[in-house]
Amino acid sequence: NIQQKIDGPPSLILPHPEIHKRAF
């Protein structure tokens, strides 16, 4: 259930920022 930006490298945003916009 993580919601956060994780500084890297590499950096990571959870959930993926486009997850709710992509049918695929």
mmCIF file of all heavy atoms, coordinates in Angstrom:
data_MODEL
# 
_entry.id   MODEL 
# 
loop_
_atom_site.group_PDB 
_atom_site.id 
_atom_site.type_symbol 
_atom_site.label_atom_id 
_atom_site.label_alt_id 
_atom_site.label_comp_id 
_atom_site.label_asym_id 
_atom_site.label_entity_id 
_atom_site.label_seq_id 
_atom_site.pdbx_PDB_ins_code 
_atom_site.Cartn_x 
_atom_site.Cartn_y 
_atom_site.Cartn_z 
_atom_site.occupancy 
_atom_site.B_iso_or_equiv 
_atom_site.pdbx_formal_charge 
_atom_site.auth_seq_id 
_atom_site.auth_comp_id 
_atom_site.auth_asym_id 
_atom_site.auth_atom_id 
_atom_site.pdbx_PDB_model_num 
ATOM 1   N N   . ASN A 1 1  ? 0.820  -1.214 0.000   1.00 0.00 ? 1  ASN A N   1 
ATOM 2   C CA  . ASN A 1 1  ? 0.000  0.000  0.000   1.00 0.00 ? 1  ASN A CA  1 
ATOM 3   C C   . ASN A 1 1  ? 0.851  1.261  0.000   1.00 0.00 ? 1  ASN A C   1 
ATOM 4   O O   . ASN A 1 1  ? 0.372  2.338  0.382   1.00 0.00 ? 1  ASN A O   1 
ATOM 5   C CB  . ASN A 1 1  ? -0.942 0.003  1.205   1.00 0.00 ? 1  ASN A CB  1 
ATOM 6   C CG  . ASN A 1 1  ? -1.992 -1.086 1.094   1.00 0.00 ? 1  ASN A CG  1 
ATOM 7   O OD1 . ASN A 1 1  ? -2.525 -1.306 0.014   1.00 0.00 ? 1  ASN A OD1 1 
ATOM 8   N ND2 . ASN A 1 1  ? -2.257 -1.765 2.181   1.00 0.00 ? 1  ASN A ND2 1 
ATOM 9   N N   . ILE A 1 2  ? 2.089  1.134  -0.404  1.00 0.00 ? 2  ILE A N   1 
ATOM 10  C CA  . ILE A 1 2  ? 3.013  2.273  -0.345  1.00 0.00 ? 2  ILE A CA  1 
ATOM 11  C C   . ILE A 1 2  ? 2.629  3.340  -1.359  1.00 0.00 ? 2  ILE A C   1 
ATOM 12  O O   . ILE A 1 2  ? 2.373  3.057  -2.518  1.00 0.00 ? 2  ILE A O   1 
ATOM 13  C CB  . ILE A 1 2  ? 4.465  1.806  -0.574  1.00 0.00 ? 2  ILE A CB  1 
ATOM 14  C CG1 . ILE A 1 2  ? 4.918  0.960  0.619   1.00 0.00 ? 2  ILE A CG1 1 
ATOM 15  C CG2 . ILE A 1 2  ? 5.388  2.984  -0.804  1.00 0.00 ? 2  ILE A CG2 1 
ATOM 16  C CD1 . ILE A 1 2  ? 6.328  0.445  0.512   1.00 0.00 ? 2  ILE A CD1 1 
ATOM 17  N N   . GLN A 1 3  ? 2.624  4.578  -0.876  1.00 0.00 ? 3  GLN A N   1 
ATOM 18  C CA  . GLN A 1 3  ? 2.426  5.766  -1.703  1.00 0.00 ? 3  GLN A CA  1 
ATOM 19  C C   . GLN A 1 3  ? 3.564  6.706  -1.353  1.00 0.00 ? 3  GLN A C   1 
ATOM 20  O O   . GLN A 1 3  ? 3.541  7.343  -0.319  1.00 0.00 ? 3  GLN A O   1 
ATOM 21  C CB  . GLN A 1 3  ? 1.138  6.502  -1.326  1.00 0.00 ? 3  GLN A CB  1 
ATOM 22  C CG  . GLN A 1 3  ? -0.125 5.835  -1.624  1.00 0.00 ? 3  GLN A CG  1 
ATOM 23  C CD  . GLN A 1 3  ? -1.263 6.699  -1.090  1.00 0.00 ? 3  GLN A CD  1 
ATOM 24  O OE1 . GLN A 1 3  ? -2.042 6.221  -0.316  1.00 0.00 ? 3  GLN A OE1 1 
ATOM 25  N NE2 . GLN A 1 3  ? -1.362 7.938  -1.492  1.00 0.00 ? 3  GLN A NE2 1 
ATOM 26  N N   . GLN A 1 4  ? 4.572  6.759  -2.193  1.00 0.00 ? 4  GLN A N   1 
ATOM 27  C CA  . GLN A 1 4  ? 5.664  7.671  -1.905  1.00 0.00 ? 4  GLN A CA  1 
ATOM 28  C C   . GLN A 1 4  ? 6.625  7.766  -3.068  1.00 0.00 ? 4  GLN A C   1 
ATOM 29  O O   . GLN A 1 4  ? 6.629  6.916  -3.961  1.00 0.00 ? 4  GLN A O   1 
ATOM 30  C CB  . GLN A 1 4  ? 6.417  7.268  -0.639  1.00 0.00 ? 4  GLN A CB  1 
ATOM 31  C CG  . GLN A 1 4  ? 7.312  6.047  -0.797  1.00 0.00 ? 4  GLN A CG  1 
ATOM 32  C CD  . GLN A 1 4  ? 8.012  5.671  0.484   1.00 0.00 ? 4  GLN A CD  1 
ATOM 33  O OE1 . GLN A 1 4  ? 7.475  4.903  1.258   1.00 0.00 ? 4  GLN A OE1 1 
ATOM 34  N NE2 . GLN A 1 4  ? 9.179  6.206  0.718   1.00 0.00 ? 4  GLN A NE2 1 
ATOM 35  N N   . LYS A 1 5  ? 7.406  8.817  -3.043  1.00 0.00 ? 5  LYS A N   1 
ATOM 36  C CA  . LYS A 1 5  ? 8.516  8.953  -3.972  1.00 0.00 ? 5  LYS A CA  1 
ATOM 37  C C   . LYS A 1 5  ? 9.751  8.487  -3.223  1.00 0.00 ? 5  LYS A C   1 
ATOM 38  O O   . LYS A 1 5  ? 10.013 8.924  -2.101  1.00 0.00 ? 5  LYS A O   1 
ATOM 39  C CB  . LYS A 1 5  ? 8.690  10.403 -4.421  1.00 0.00 ? 5  LYS A CB  1 
ATOM 40  C CG  . LYS A 1 5  ? 9.833  10.555 -5.388  1.00 0.00 ? 5  LYS A CG  1 
ATOM 41  C CD  . LYS A 1 5  ? 9.965  11.955 -5.919  1.00 0.00 ? 5  LYS A CD  1 
ATOM 42  C CE  . LYS A 1 5  ? 11.113 11.971 -6.915  1.00 0.00 ? 5  LYS A CE  1 
ATOM 43  N NZ  . LYS A 1 5  ? 11.423 13.295 -7.385  1.00 0.00 ? 5  LYS A NZ  1 
ATOM 44  N N   . ILE A 1 6  ? 10.483 7.586  -3.841  1.00 0.00 ? 6  ILE A N   1 
ATOM 45  C CA  . ILE A 1 6  ? 11.688 7.040  -3.231  1.00 0.00 ? 6  ILE A CA  1 
ATOM 46  C C   . ILE A 1 6  ? 12.871 7.563  -4.034  1.00 0.00 ? 6  ILE A C   1 
ATOM 47  O O   . ILE A 1 6  ? 12.973 7.312  -5.237  1.00 0.00 ? 6  ILE A O   1 
ATOM 48  C CB  . ILE A 1 6  ? 11.664 5.493  -3.234  1.00 0.00 ? 6  ILE A CB  1 
ATOM 49  C CG1 . ILE A 1 6  ? 10.428 4.994  -2.455  1.00 0.00 ? 6  ILE A CG1 1 
ATOM 50  C CG2 . ILE A 1 6  ? 12.954 4.930  -2.659  1.00 0.00 ? 6  ILE A CG2 1 
ATOM 51  C CD1 . ILE A 1 6  ? 10.155 3.511  -2.600  1.00 0.00 ? 6  ILE A CD1 1 
ATOM 52  N N   . ASP A 1 7  ? 13.726 8.322  -3.369  1.00 0.00 ? 7  ASP A N   1 
ATOM 53  C CA  . ASP A 1 7  ? 14.899 8.859  -4.049  1.00 0.00 ? 7  ASP A CA  1 
ATOM 54  C C   . ASP A 1 7  ? 15.906 7.752  -4.268  1.00 0.00 ? 7  ASP A C   1 
ATOM 55  O O   . ASP A 1 7  ? 16.160 6.957  -3.375  1.00 0.00 ? 7  ASP A O   1 
ATOM 56  C CB  . ASP A 1 7  ? 15.510 10.000 -3.241  1.00 0.00 ? 7  ASP A CB  1 
ATOM 57  C CG  . ASP A 1 7  ? 14.575 11.202 -3.192  1.00 0.00 ? 7  ASP A CG  1 
ATOM 58  O OD1 . ASP A 1 7  ? 13.916 11.474 -4.207  1.00 0.00 ? 7  ASP A OD1 1 
ATOM 59  O OD2 . ASP A 1 7  ? 14.498 11.849 -2.128  1.00 0.00 ? 7  ASP A OD2 1 
ATOM 60  N N   . GLY A 1 8  ? 16.488 7.725  -5.453  1.00 0.00 ? 8  GLY A N   1 
ATOM 61  C CA  . GLY A 1 8  ? 17.413 6.677  -5.851  1.00 0.00 ? 8  GLY A CA  1 
ATOM 62  C C   . GLY A 1 8  ? 18.838 7.118  -5.756  1.00 0.00 ? 8  GLY A C   1 
ATOM 63  O O   . GLY A 1 8  ? 19.166 7.856  -4.862  1.00 0.00 ? 8  GLY A O   1 
ATOM 64  N N   . PRO A 1 9  ? 19.699 6.716  -6.633  1.00 0.00 ? 9  PRO A N   1 
ATOM 65  C CA  . PRO A 1 9  ? 19.285 6.231  -7.941  1.00 0.00 ? 9  PRO A CA  1 
ATOM 66  C C   . PRO A 1 9  ? 18.908 4.757  -7.895  1.00 0.00 ? 9  PRO A C   1 
ATOM 67  O O   . PRO A 1 9  ? 19.484 4.048  -7.102  1.00 0.00 ? 9  PRO A O   1 
ATOM 68  C CB  . PRO A 1 9  ? 20.506 6.464  -8.821  1.00 0.00 ? 9  PRO A CB  1 
ATOM 69  C CG  . PRO A 1 9  ? 21.675 6.376  -7.898  1.00 0.00 ? 9  PRO A CG  1 
ATOM 70  C CD  . PRO A 1 9  ? 21.170 6.830  -6.557  1.00 0.00 ? 9  PRO A CD  1 
ATOM 71  N N   . PRO A 1 10 ? 18.034 4.334  -8.747  1.00 0.00 ? 10 PRO A N   1 
ATOM 72  C CA  . PRO A 1 10 ? 17.113 5.153  -9.540  1.00 0.00 ? 10 PRO A CA  1 
ATOM 73  C C   . PRO A 1 10 ? 15.984 5.658  -8.649  1.00 0.00 ? 10 PRO A C   1 
ATOM 74  O O   . PRO A 1 10 ? 15.703 5.066  -7.608  1.00 0.00 ? 10 PRO A O   1 
ATOM 75  C CB  . PRO A 1 10 ? 16.590 4.180  -10.592 1.00 0.00 ? 10 PRO A CB  1 
ATOM 76  C CG  . PRO A 1 10 ? 16.648 2.846  -9.908  1.00 0.00 ? 10 PRO A CG  1 
ATOM 77  C CD  . PRO A 1 10 ? 17.843 2.900  -8.995  1.00 0.00 ? 10 PRO A CD  1 
ATOM 78  N N   . SER A 1 11 ? 15.331 6.725  -9.037  1.00 0.00 ? 11 SER A N   1 
ATOM 79  C CA  . SER A 1 11 ? 14.206 7.210  -8.253  1.00 0.00 ? 11 SER A CA  1 
ATOM 80  C C   . SER A 1 11 ? 12.961 6.406  -8.643  1.00 0.00 ? 11 SER A C   1 
ATOM 81  O O   . SER A 1 11 ? 12.901 5.806  -9.708  1.00 0.00 ? 11 SER A O   1 
ATOM 82  C CB  . SER A 1 11 ? 13.992 8.703  -8.462  1.00 0.00 ? 11 SER A CB  1 
ATOM 83  O OG  . SER A 1 11 ? 13.739 8.966  -9.813  1.00 0.00 ? 11 SER A OG  1 
ATOM 84  N N   . LEU A 1 12 ? 11.995 6.397  -7.752  1.00 0.00 ? 12 LEU A N   1 
ATOM 85  C CA  . LEU A 1 12 ? 10.815 5.556  -7.928  1.00 0.00 ? 12 LEU A CA  1 
ATOM 86  C C   . LEU A 1 12 ? 9.619  6.257  -7.307  1.00 0.00 ? 12 LEU A C   1 
ATOM 87  O O   . LEU A 1 12 ? 9.720  6.806  -6.212  1.00 0.00 ? 12 LEU A O   1 
ATOM 88  C CB  . LEU A 1 12 ? 11.066 4.203  -7.232  1.00 0.00 ? 12 LEU A CB  1 
ATOM 89  C CG  . LEU A 1 12 ? 9.934  3.201  -7.142  1.00 0.00 ? 12 LEU A CG  1 
ATOM 90  C CD1 . LEU A 1 12 ? 9.511  2.726  -8.521  1.00 0.00 ? 12 LEU A CD1 1 
ATOM 91  C CD2 . LEU A 1 12 ? 10.362 2.022  -6.275  1.00 0.00 ? 12 LEU A CD2 1 
ATOM 92  N N   . ILE A 1 13 ? 8.506  6.238  -8.012  1.00 0.00 ? 13 ILE A N   1 
ATOM 93  C CA  . ILE A 1 13 ? 7.253  6.759  -7.470  1.00 0.00 ? 13 ILE A CA  1 
ATOM 94  C C   . ILE A 1 13 ? 6.267  5.602  -7.407  1.00 0.00 ? 13 ILE A C   1 
ATOM 95  O O   . ILE A 1 13 ? 6.045  4.903  -8.398  1.00 0.00 ? 13 ILE A O   1 
ATOM 96  C CB  . ILE A 1 13 ? 6.678  7.895  -8.342  1.00 0.00 ? 13 ILE A CB  1 
ATOM 97  C CG1 . ILE A 1 13 ? 7.654  9.065  -8.404  1.00 0.00 ? 13 ILE A CG1 1 
ATOM 98  C CG2 . ILE A 1 13 ? 5.319  8.347  -7.793  1.00 0.00 ? 13 ILE A CG2 1 
ATOM 99  C CD1 . ILE A 1 13 ? 7.254  10.161 -9.380  1.00 0.00 ? 13 ILE A CD1 1 
ATOM 100 N N   . LEU A 1 14 ? 5.692  5.399  -6.218  1.00 0.00 ? 14 LEU A N   1 
ATOM 101 C CA  . LEU A 1 14 ? 4.707  4.334  -6.015  1.00 0.00 ? 14 LEU A CA  1 
ATOM 102 C C   . LEU A 1 14 ? 3.400  4.922  -5.521  1.00 0.00 ? 14 LEU A C   1 
ATOM 103 O O   . LEU A 1 14 ? 3.419  5.796  -4.669  1.00 0.00 ? 14 LEU A O   1 
ATOM 104 C CB  . LEU A 1 14 ? 5.219  3.313  -5.006  1.00 0.00 ? 14 LEU A CB  1 
ATOM 105 C CG  . LEU A 1 14 ? 6.370  2.448  -5.508  1.00 0.00 ? 14 LEU A CG  1 
ATOM 106 C CD1 . LEU A 1 14 ? 6.953  1.645  -4.367  1.00 0.00 ? 14 LEU A CD1 1 
ATOM 107 C CD2 . LEU A 1 14 ? 5.911  1.539  -6.626  1.00 0.00 ? 14 LEU A CD2 1 
ATOM 108 N N   . PRO A 1 15 ? 2.265  4.451  -6.055  1.00 0.00 ? 15 PRO A N   1 
ATOM 109 C CA  . PRO A 1 15 ? 2.193  3.580  -7.221  1.00 0.00 ? 15 PRO A CA  1 
ATOM 110 C C   . PRO A 1 15 ? 2.712  4.301  -8.461  1.00 0.00 ? 15 PRO A C   1 
ATOM 111 O O   . PRO A 1 15 ? 2.870  5.524  -8.451  1.00 0.00 ? 15 PRO A O   1 
ATOM 112 C CB  . PRO A 1 15 ? 0.699  3.267  -7.342  1.00 0.00 ? 15 PRO A CB  1 
ATOM 113 C CG  . PRO A 1 15 ? 0.010  4.393  -6.669  1.00 0.00 ? 15 PRO A CG  1 
ATOM 114 C CD  . PRO A 1 15 ? 0.934  4.875  -5.592  1.00 0.00 ? 15 PRO A CD  1 
ATOM 115 N N   . HIS A 1 16 ? 2.953  3.541  -9.517  1.00 0.00 ? 16 HIS A N   1 
ATOM 116 C CA  . HIS A 1 16 ? 3.444  4.127  -10.769 1.00 0.00 ? 16 HIS A CA  1 
ATOM 117 C C   . HIS A 1 16 ? 2.510  5.277  -11.151 1.00 0.00 ? 16 HIS A C   1 
ATOM 118 O O   . HIS A 1 16 ? 1.286  5.123  -11.133 1.00 0.00 ? 16 HIS A O   1 
ATOM 119 C CB  . HIS A 1 16 ? 3.450  3.064  -11.865 1.00 0.00 ? 16 HIS A CB  1 
ATOM 120 C CG  . HIS A 1 16 ? 4.132  3.486  -13.115 1.00 0.00 ? 16 HIS A CG  1 
ATOM 121 N ND1 . HIS A 1 16 ? 3.563  4.375  -13.999 1.00 0.00 ? 16 HIS A ND1 1 
ATOM 122 C CD2 . HIS A 1 16 ? 5.339  3.157  -13.627 1.00 0.00 ? 16 HIS A CD2 1 
ATOM 123 C CE1 . HIS A 1 16 ? 4.382  4.577  -15.004 1.00 0.00 ? 16 HIS A CE1 1 
ATOM 124 N NE2 . HIS A 1 16 ? 5.478  3.841  -14.807 1.00 0.00 ? 16 HIS A NE2 1 
ATOM 125 N N   . PRO A 1 17 ? 3.055  6.443  -11.484 1.00 0.00 ? 17 PRO A N   1 
ATOM 126 C CA  . PRO A 1 17 ? 2.207  7.626  -11.705 1.00 0.00 ? 17 PRO A CA  1 
ATOM 127 C C   . PRO A 1 17 ? 1.224  7.531  -12.871 1.00 0.00 ? 17 PRO A C   1 
ATOM 128 O O   . PRO A 1 17 ? 0.243  8.270  -12.907 1.00 0.00 ? 17 PRO A O   1 
ATOM 129 C CB  . PRO A 1 17 ? 3.205  8.755  -11.938 1.00 0.00 ? 17 PRO A CB  1 
ATOM 130 C CG  . PRO A 1 17 ? 4.532  8.138  -12.093 1.00 0.00 ? 17 PRO A CG  1 
ATOM 131 C CD  . PRO A 1 17 ? 4.467  6.744  -11.565 1.00 0.00 ? 17 PRO A CD  1 
ATOM 132 N N   . GLU A 1 18 ? 1.422  6.626  -13.810 1.00 0.00 ? 18 GLU A N   1 
ATOM 133 C CA  . GLU A 1 18 ? 0.520  6.501  -14.966 1.00 0.00 ? 18 GLU A CA  1 
ATOM 134 C C   . GLU A 1 18 ? -0.414 5.290  -14.863 1.00 0.00 ? 18 GLU A C   1 
ATOM 135 O O   . GLU A 1 18 ? -1.200 5.035  -15.774 1.00 0.00 ? 18 GLU A O   1 
ATOM 136 C CB  . GLU A 1 18 ? 1.333  6.402  -16.261 1.00 0.00 ? 18 GLU A CB  1 
ATOM 137 C CG  . GLU A 1 18 ? 2.257  7.574  -16.502 1.00 0.00 ? 18 GLU A CG  1 
ATOM 138 C CD  . GLU A 1 18 ? 1.504  8.880  -16.719 1.00 0.00 ? 18 GLU A CD  1 
ATOM 139 O OE1 . GLU A 1 18 ? 0.499  8.877  -17.443 1.00 0.00 ? 18 GLU A OE1 1 
ATOM 140 O OE2 . GLU A 1 18 ? 1.927  9.906  -16.150 1.00 0.00 ? 18 GLU A OE2 1 
ATOM 141 N N   . ILE A 1 19 ? -0.356 4.566  -13.762 1.00 0.00 ? 19 ILE A N   1 
ATOM 142 C CA  . ILE A 1 19 ? -1.070 3.292  -13.630 1.00 0.00 ? 19 ILE A CA  1 
ATOM 143 C C   . ILE A 1 19 ? -2.569 3.427  -13.908 1.00 0.00 ? 19 ILE A C   1 
ATOM 144 O O   . ILE A 1 19 ? -3.173 2.570  -14.542 1.00 0.00 ? 19 ILE A O   1 
ATOM 145 C CB  . ILE A 1 19 ? -0.801 2.664  -12.242 1.00 0.00 ? 19 ILE A CB  1 
ATOM 146 C CG1 . ILE A 1 19 ? -1.308 1.235  -12.175 1.00 0.00 ? 19 ILE A CG1 1 
ATOM 147 C CG2 . ILE A 1 19 ? -1.392 3.502  -11.134 1.00 0.00 ? 19 ILE A CG2 1 
ATOM 148 C CD1 . ILE A 1 19 ? -0.891 0.513  -10.901 1.00 0.00 ? 19 ILE A CD1 1 
ATOM 149 N N   . HIS A 1 20 ? -3.171 4.484  -13.469 1.00 0.00 ? 20 HIS A N   1 
ATOM 150 C CA  . HIS A 1 20 ? -4.626 4.650  -13.588 1.00 0.00 ? 20 HIS A CA  1 
ATOM 151 C C   . HIS A 1 20 ? -5.066 5.240  -14.936 1.00 0.00 ? 20 HIS A C   1 
ATOM 152 O O   . HIS A 1 20 ? -6.252 5.390  -15.186 1.00 0.00 ? 20 HIS A O   1 
ATOM 153 C CB  . HIS A 1 20 ? -5.143 5.528  -12.446 1.00 0.00 ? 20 HIS A CB  1 
ATOM 154 C CG  . HIS A 1 20 ? -4.620 6.919  -12.469 1.00 0.00 ? 20 HIS A CG  1 
ATOM 155 N ND1 . HIS A 1 20 ? -3.299 7.220  -12.246 1.00 0.00 ? 20 HIS A ND1 1 
ATOM 156 C CD2 . HIS A 1 20 ? -5.239 8.093  -12.705 1.00 0.00 ? 20 HIS A CD2 1 
ATOM 157 C CE1 . HIS A 1 20 ? -3.120 8.518  -12.340 1.00 0.00 ? 20 HIS A CE1 1 
ATOM 158 N NE2 . HIS A 1 20 ? -4.289 9.078  -12.615 1.00 0.00 ? 20 HIS A NE2 1 
ATOM 159 N N   . LYS A 1 21 ? -4.094 5.518  -15.811 1.00 0.00 ? 21 LYS A N   1 
ATOM 160 C CA  . LYS A 1 21 ? -4.386 6.117  -17.115 1.00 0.00 ? 21 LYS A CA  1 
ATOM 161 C C   . LYS A 1 21 ? -4.138 5.172  -18.276 1.00 0.00 ? 21 LYS A C   1 
ATOM 162 O O   . LYS A 1 21 ? -4.277 5.569  -19.427 1.00 0.00 ? 21 LYS A O   1 
ATOM 163 C CB  . LYS A 1 21 ? -3.501 7.355  -17.324 1.00 0.00 ? 21 LYS A CB  1 
ATOM 164 C CG  . LYS A 1 21 ? -3.685 8.430  -16.301 1.00 0.00 ? 21 LYS A CG  1 
ATOM 165 C CD  . LYS A 1 21 ? -2.696 9.556  -16.561 1.00 0.00 ? 21 LYS A CD  1 
ATOM 166 C CE  . LYS A 1 21 ? -2.759 10.616 -15.492 1.00 0.00 ? 21 LYS A CE  1 
ATOM 167 N NZ  . LYS A 1 21 ? -1.732 11.642 -15.712 1.00 0.00 ? 21 LYS A NZ  1 
ATOM 168 N N   . ARG A 1 22 ? -3.732 3.949  -18.012 1.00 0.00 ? 22 ARG A N   1 
ATOM 169 C CA  . ARG A 1 22 ? -3.278 3.048  -19.060 1.00 0.00 ? 22 ARG A CA  1 
ATOM 170 C C   . ARG A 1 22 ? -4.080 1.757  -19.076 1.00 0.00 ? 22 ARG A C   1 
ATOM 171 O O   . ARG A 1 22 ? -3.983 0.926  -18.163 1.00 0.00 ? 22 ARG A O   1 
ATOM 172 C CB  . ARG A 1 22 ? -1.800 2.703  -18.872 1.00 0.00 ? 22 ARG A CB  1 
ATOM 173 C CG  . ARG A 1 22 ? -0.872 3.897  -18.787 1.00 0.00 ? 22 ARG A CG  1 
ATOM 174 C CD  . ARG A 1 22 ? -0.780 4.592  -20.117 1.00 0.00 ? 22 ARG A CD  1 
ATOM 175 N NE  . ARG A 1 22 ? 0.287  5.574  -20.142 1.00 0.00 ? 22 ARG A NE  1 
ATOM 176 C CZ  . ARG A 1 22 ? 0.099  6.846  -20.441 1.00 0.00 ? 22 ARG A CZ  1 
ATOM 177 N NH1 . ARG A 1 22 ? -1.106 7.296  -20.710 1.00 0.00 ? 22 ARG A NH1 1 
ATOM 178 N NH2 . ARG A 1 22 ? 1.108  7.691  -20.468 1.00 0.00 ? 22 ARG A NH2 1 
ATOM 179 N N   . ALA A 1 23 ? -4.860 1.556  -20.140 1.00 0.00 ? 23 ALA A N   1 
ATOM 180 C CA  . ALA A 1 23 ? -5.643 0.326  -20.285 1.00 0.00 ? 23 ALA A CA  1 
ATOM 181 C C   . ALA A 1 23 ? -4.747 -0.904 -20.293 1.00 0.00 ? 23 ALA A C   1 
ATOM 182 O O   . ALA A 1 23 ? -5.112 -1.946 -19.753 1.00 0.00 ? 23 ALA A O   1 
ATOM 183 C CB  . ALA A 1 23 ? -6.480 0.382  -21.560 1.00 0.00 ? 23 ALA A CB  1 
ATOM 184 N N   . PHE A 1 24 ? -3.539 -0.777 -20.885 1.00 0.00 ? 24 PHE A N   1 
ATOM 185 C CA  . PHE A 1 24 ? -2.639 -1.931 -20.974 1.00 0.00 ? 24 PHE A CA  1 
ATOM 186 C C   . PHE A 1 24 ? -2.070 -2.341 -19.621 1.00 0.00 ? 24 PHE A C   1 
ATOM 187 O O   . PHE A 1 24 ? -1.475 -3.410 -19.502 1.00 0.00 ? 24 PHE A O   1 
ATOM 188 C CB  . PHE A 1 24 ? -1.513 -1.694 -21.996 1.00 0.00 ? 24 PHE A CB  1 
ATOM 189 C CG  . PHE A 1 24 ? -0.575 -0.572 -21.673 1.00 0.00 ? 24 PHE A CG  1 
ATOM 190 C CD1 . PHE A 1 24 ? 0.476  -0.740 -20.787 1.00 0.00 ? 24 PHE A CD1 1 
ATOM 191 C CD2 . PHE A 1 24 ? -0.722 0.664  -22.285 1.00 0.00 ? 24 PHE A CD2 1 
ATOM 192 C CE1 . PHE A 1 24 ? 1.356  0.290  -20.508 1.00 0.00 ? 24 PHE A CE1 1 
ATOM 193 C CE2 . PHE A 1 24 ? 0.150  1.702  -22.019 1.00 0.00 ? 24 PHE A CE2 1 
ATOM 194 C CZ  . PHE A 1 24 ? 1.194  1.513  -21.113 1.00 0.00 ? 24 PHE A CZ  1 
# 
